[in-house]
């Protein structure tokens, strides 16, 4: 059982809370993709596909292989970020930061930065001190990560299709929490 307790307005969502928030999480994912976020989906993103994504995360959340942090604005989930633990025996010190998203209506309030600061504490509580992440090159998140202590490793051209269906480059980052 995890003993990590983030400070409000950031919360660690249990699998049960994720299950009860599937509609809200689907709306968040859809809004972010429609706003151009490069988080693995191509437009148009159907709401049911967004909901199915979150349903598909439930097994890793229940098993403790991943964790979902959410930031609230009042009672509303305004943003999320996921921490996925490396499963390899030789990777027990690292984790991947994934699916950082803040609803377009809640941006420019420092919520992404709060999520990123909190994920550091979560990772350390799980004895994970090396964090990796990637983002679409040129995405607004690419400018955020260095200000959160991440170092750019490099750029992979034509790594994935972006939300508009064109091949995009991906920038890879890491953060050493030691």
Protein backbone atom coordinates (compact mmCIF):
# COMPACT_ATOMS: atom_id res chain seq x y z
CA UNK A 1 0.00 0.00 0.00
CA UNK A 2 1.32 3.42 -0.94
CA UNK A 3 1.71 5.95 1.84
CA UNK A 4 2.27 8.99 -0.35
CA UNK A 5 -0.05 11.91 0.43
CA UNK A 6 0.09 14.85 -1.97
CA UNK A 7 -0.94 18.31 -0.86
CA UNK A 8 -4.21 19.73 -2.20
CA UNK A 9 -5.17 20.72 -4.83
CA UNK A 10 -3.25 17.64 -6.10
CA UNK A 11 -4.68 14.20 -5.28
CA UNK A 12 -3.59 10.63 -5.90
CA UNK A 13 -6.59 8.96 -7.52
CA UNK A 14 -7.36 5.41 -6.47
CA UNK A 15 -8.51 2.96 -9.16
CA UNK A 16 -12.03 3.29 -7.72
CA UNK A 17 -11.88 7.09 -8.06
CA UNK A 18 -10.64 6.72 -11.64
CA UNK A 19 -13.51 4.33 -12.39
CA UNK A 20 -16.06 6.77 -10.95
CA UNK A 21 -14.43 9.65 -12.89
CA UNK A 22 -14.26 7.98 -16.31
CA UNK A 23 -16.64 10.48 -17.91
CA UNK A 24 -14.71 13.47 -16.56
CA UNK A 25 -11.35 11.97 -17.52
CA UNK A 26 -12.66 11.23 -21.02
CA UNK A 27 -13.80 14.85 -21.38
CA UNK A 28 -10.38 16.07 -20.18
CA UNK A 29 -8.52 13.86 -22.65
CA UNK A 30 -10.80 14.84 -25.53
CA UNK A 31 -10.51 18.57 -24.76
CA UNK A 32 -6.71 18.39 -24.59
CA UNK A 33 -6.38 16.46 -27.85
CA UNK A 34 -8.80 18.85 -29.57
CA UNK A 35 -6.62 21.71 -28.31
CA UNK A 36 -3.59 20.15 -30.02
CA UNK A 37 -1.93 18.17 -27.22
CA UNK A 38 0.36 15.46 -28.56
CA UNK A 39 -0.56 12.71 -26.13
CA UNK A 40 -1.02 9.74 -28.41
CA UNK A 41 -4.34 10.35 -30.14
CA UNK A 42 -5.34 11.47 -33.62
CA UNK A 43 -8.32 13.72 -34.36
CA UNK A 44 -11.18 13.31 -34.41
CA UNK A 45 -11.16 11.67 -31.00
CA UNK A 46 -14.47 10.08 -30.15
CA UNK A 47 -15.54 10.40 -26.52
CA UNK A 48 -15.98 6.62 -26.26
CA UNK A 49 -12.38 6.09 -27.39
CA UNK A 50 -11.19 8.56 -24.75
CA UNK A 51 -13.23 6.75 -22.11
CA UNK A 52 -11.90 3.38 -23.30
CA UNK A 53 -8.34 4.69 -22.85
CA UNK A 54 -8.98 5.39 -19.17
CA UNK A 55 -10.79 2.09 -18.70
CA UNK A 56 -7.70 0.42 -20.16
CA UNK A 57 -5.52 2.04 -17.50
CA UNK A 58 -7.48 0.54 -14.61
CA UNK A 59 -5.56 -2.76 -14.52
CA UNK A 60 -2.15 -1.10 -14.18
CA UNK A 61 -3.52 1.31 -11.58
CA UNK A 62 -5.02 -1.59 -9.59
CA UNK A 63 -1.79 -3.58 -9.76
CA UNK A 64 0.33 -0.66 -8.58
CA UNK A 65 2.28 -0.56 -11.86
CA UNK A 66 1.10 2.98 -12.49
CA UNK A 67 -0.39 5.89 -10.57
CA UNK A 68 -2.57 8.83 -11.55
CA UNK A 69 -2.27 12.25 -9.95
CA UNK A 70 -5.04 14.78 -10.49
CA UNK A 71 -5.27 18.46 -9.75
CA UNK A 72 -8.64 19.87 -8.89
CA UNK A 73 -10.10 23.29 -9.36
CA UNK A 74 -12.91 23.19 -6.84
CA UNK A 75 -14.51 19.78 -7.32
CA UNK A 76 -13.54 19.57 -10.99
CA UNK A 77 -10.57 17.54 -12.22
CA UNK A 78 -8.60 20.21 -14.07
CA UNK A 79 -5.55 18.14 -14.96
CA UNK A 80 -3.73 14.82 -14.54
CA UNK A 81 -0.36 13.16 -14.92
CA UNK A 82 0.54 9.49 -14.80
CA UNK A 83 3.58 7.72 -13.37
CA UNK A 84 4.30 4.29 -14.91
CA UNK A 85 6.87 2.19 -13.09
CA UNK A 86 9.49 0.46 -15.20
CA UNK A 87 8.71 -3.27 -14.94
CA UNK A 88 12.16 -4.58 -15.79
CA UNK A 89 14.19 -6.14 -13.00
CA UNK A 90 17.10 -3.86 -13.87
CA UNK A 91 14.87 -0.77 -13.99
CA UNK A 92 13.51 -0.69 -10.46
CA UNK A 93 14.94 2.80 -10.01
CA UNK A 94 13.08 4.45 -12.88
CA UNK A 95 9.60 5.42 -14.04
CA UNK A 96 7.96 7.15 -16.98
CA UNK A 97 5.97 10.35 -16.64
CA UNK A 98 3.07 10.23 -19.08
CA UNK A 99 -0.17 11.91 -20.10
CA UNK A 100 0.40 15.29 -18.49
CA UNK A 101 -2.69 17.25 -19.41
CA UNK A 102 -4.46 20.33 -18.11
CA UNK A 103 -7.89 21.21 -19.44
CA UNK A 104 -7.69 24.25 -21.75
CA UNK A 105 -10.12 26.13 -19.47
CA UNK A 106 -7.71 25.74 -16.53
CA UNK A 107 -4.37 26.60 -18.12
CA UNK A 108 -1.99 29.40 -17.11
CA UNK A 109 -2.65 28.78 -13.38
CA UNK A 110 0.47 26.73 -12.62
CA UNK A 111 -1.44 23.44 -12.44
CA UNK A 112 0.91 21.51 -14.74
CA UNK A 113 3.85 22.68 -12.65
CA UNK A 114 2.08 21.54 -9.45
CA UNK A 115 1.48 18.12 -10.99
CA UNK A 116 5.10 17.84 -12.08
CA UNK A 117 6.41 18.85 -8.64
CA UNK A 118 4.11 16.36 -6.95
CA UNK A 119 5.07 13.50 -9.24
CA UNK A 120 8.65 13.87 -8.02
CA UNK A 121 7.51 13.16 -4.45
CA UNK A 122 5.40 10.23 -5.60
CA UNK A 123 8.33 8.74 -7.51
CA UNK A 124 10.69 9.12 -4.57
CA UNK A 125 8.16 7.51 -2.22
CA UNK A 126 8.29 4.48 -4.54
CA UNK A 127 12.12 4.46 -4.63
CA UNK A 128 12.09 5.65 -8.25
CA UNK A 129 14.62 8.42 -8.75
CA UNK A 130 15.15 8.43 -12.52
CA UNK A 131 12.20 9.80 -14.48
CA UNK A 132 11.85 9.81 -18.27
CA UNK A 133 9.28 11.41 -20.54
CA UNK A 134 8.75 12.45 -24.10
CA UNK A 135 6.72 15.10 -25.84
CA UNK A 136 5.96 16.29 -29.34
CA UNK A 137 8.76 18.61 -30.45
CA UNK A 138 7.40 22.14 -30.54
CA UNK A 139 4.52 21.38 -28.14
CA UNK A 140 4.01 23.90 -25.33
CA UNK A 141 4.98 21.17 -22.83
CA UNK A 142 8.46 21.04 -24.34
CA UNK A 143 9.14 24.46 -22.78
CA UNK A 144 7.73 23.40 -19.39
CA UNK A 145 9.87 20.35 -18.68
CA UNK A 146 13.29 22.07 -18.43
CA UNK A 147 11.80 24.50 -15.91
CA UNK A 148 10.78 21.46 -13.84
CA UNK A 149 14.33 20.10 -13.74
CA UNK A 150 14.23 17.83 -16.81
CA UNK A 151 17.19 17.57 -19.17
CA UNK A 152 16.74 17.15 -22.88
CA UNK A 153 18.27 13.95 -24.24
CA UNK A 154 17.52 14.53 -27.89
CA UNK A 155 14.99 14.56 -30.69
CA UNK A 156 13.70 11.59 -32.67
CA UNK A 157 12.37 12.69 -36.08
CA UNK A 158 9.07 11.29 -37.40
CA UNK A 159 8.51 9.36 -34.15
CA UNK A 160 4.71 9.40 -34.04
CA UNK A 161 1.67 10.76 -35.77
CA UNK A 162 0.43 13.96 -34.17
CA UNK A 163 -3.16 14.82 -33.37
CA UNK A 164 -3.67 16.11 -36.93
CA UNK A 165 -2.28 12.98 -38.59
CA UNK A 166 1.15 14.31 -39.60
CA UNK A 167 4.38 12.70 -38.47
CA UNK A 168 5.95 14.67 -35.62
CA UNK A 169 9.36 14.64 -34.03
CA UNK A 170 9.55 13.70 -30.35
CA UNK A 171 11.80 15.27 -27.74
CA UNK A 172 13.00 12.97 -24.95
CA UNK A 173 13.78 14.21 -21.42
CA UNK A 174 14.99 12.75 -18.12
CA UNK A 175 15.20 13.91 -14.51
CA UNK A 176 17.50 12.51 -11.83
CA UNK A 177 15.91 13.08 -8.41
CA UNK A 178 18.96 12.06 -6.39
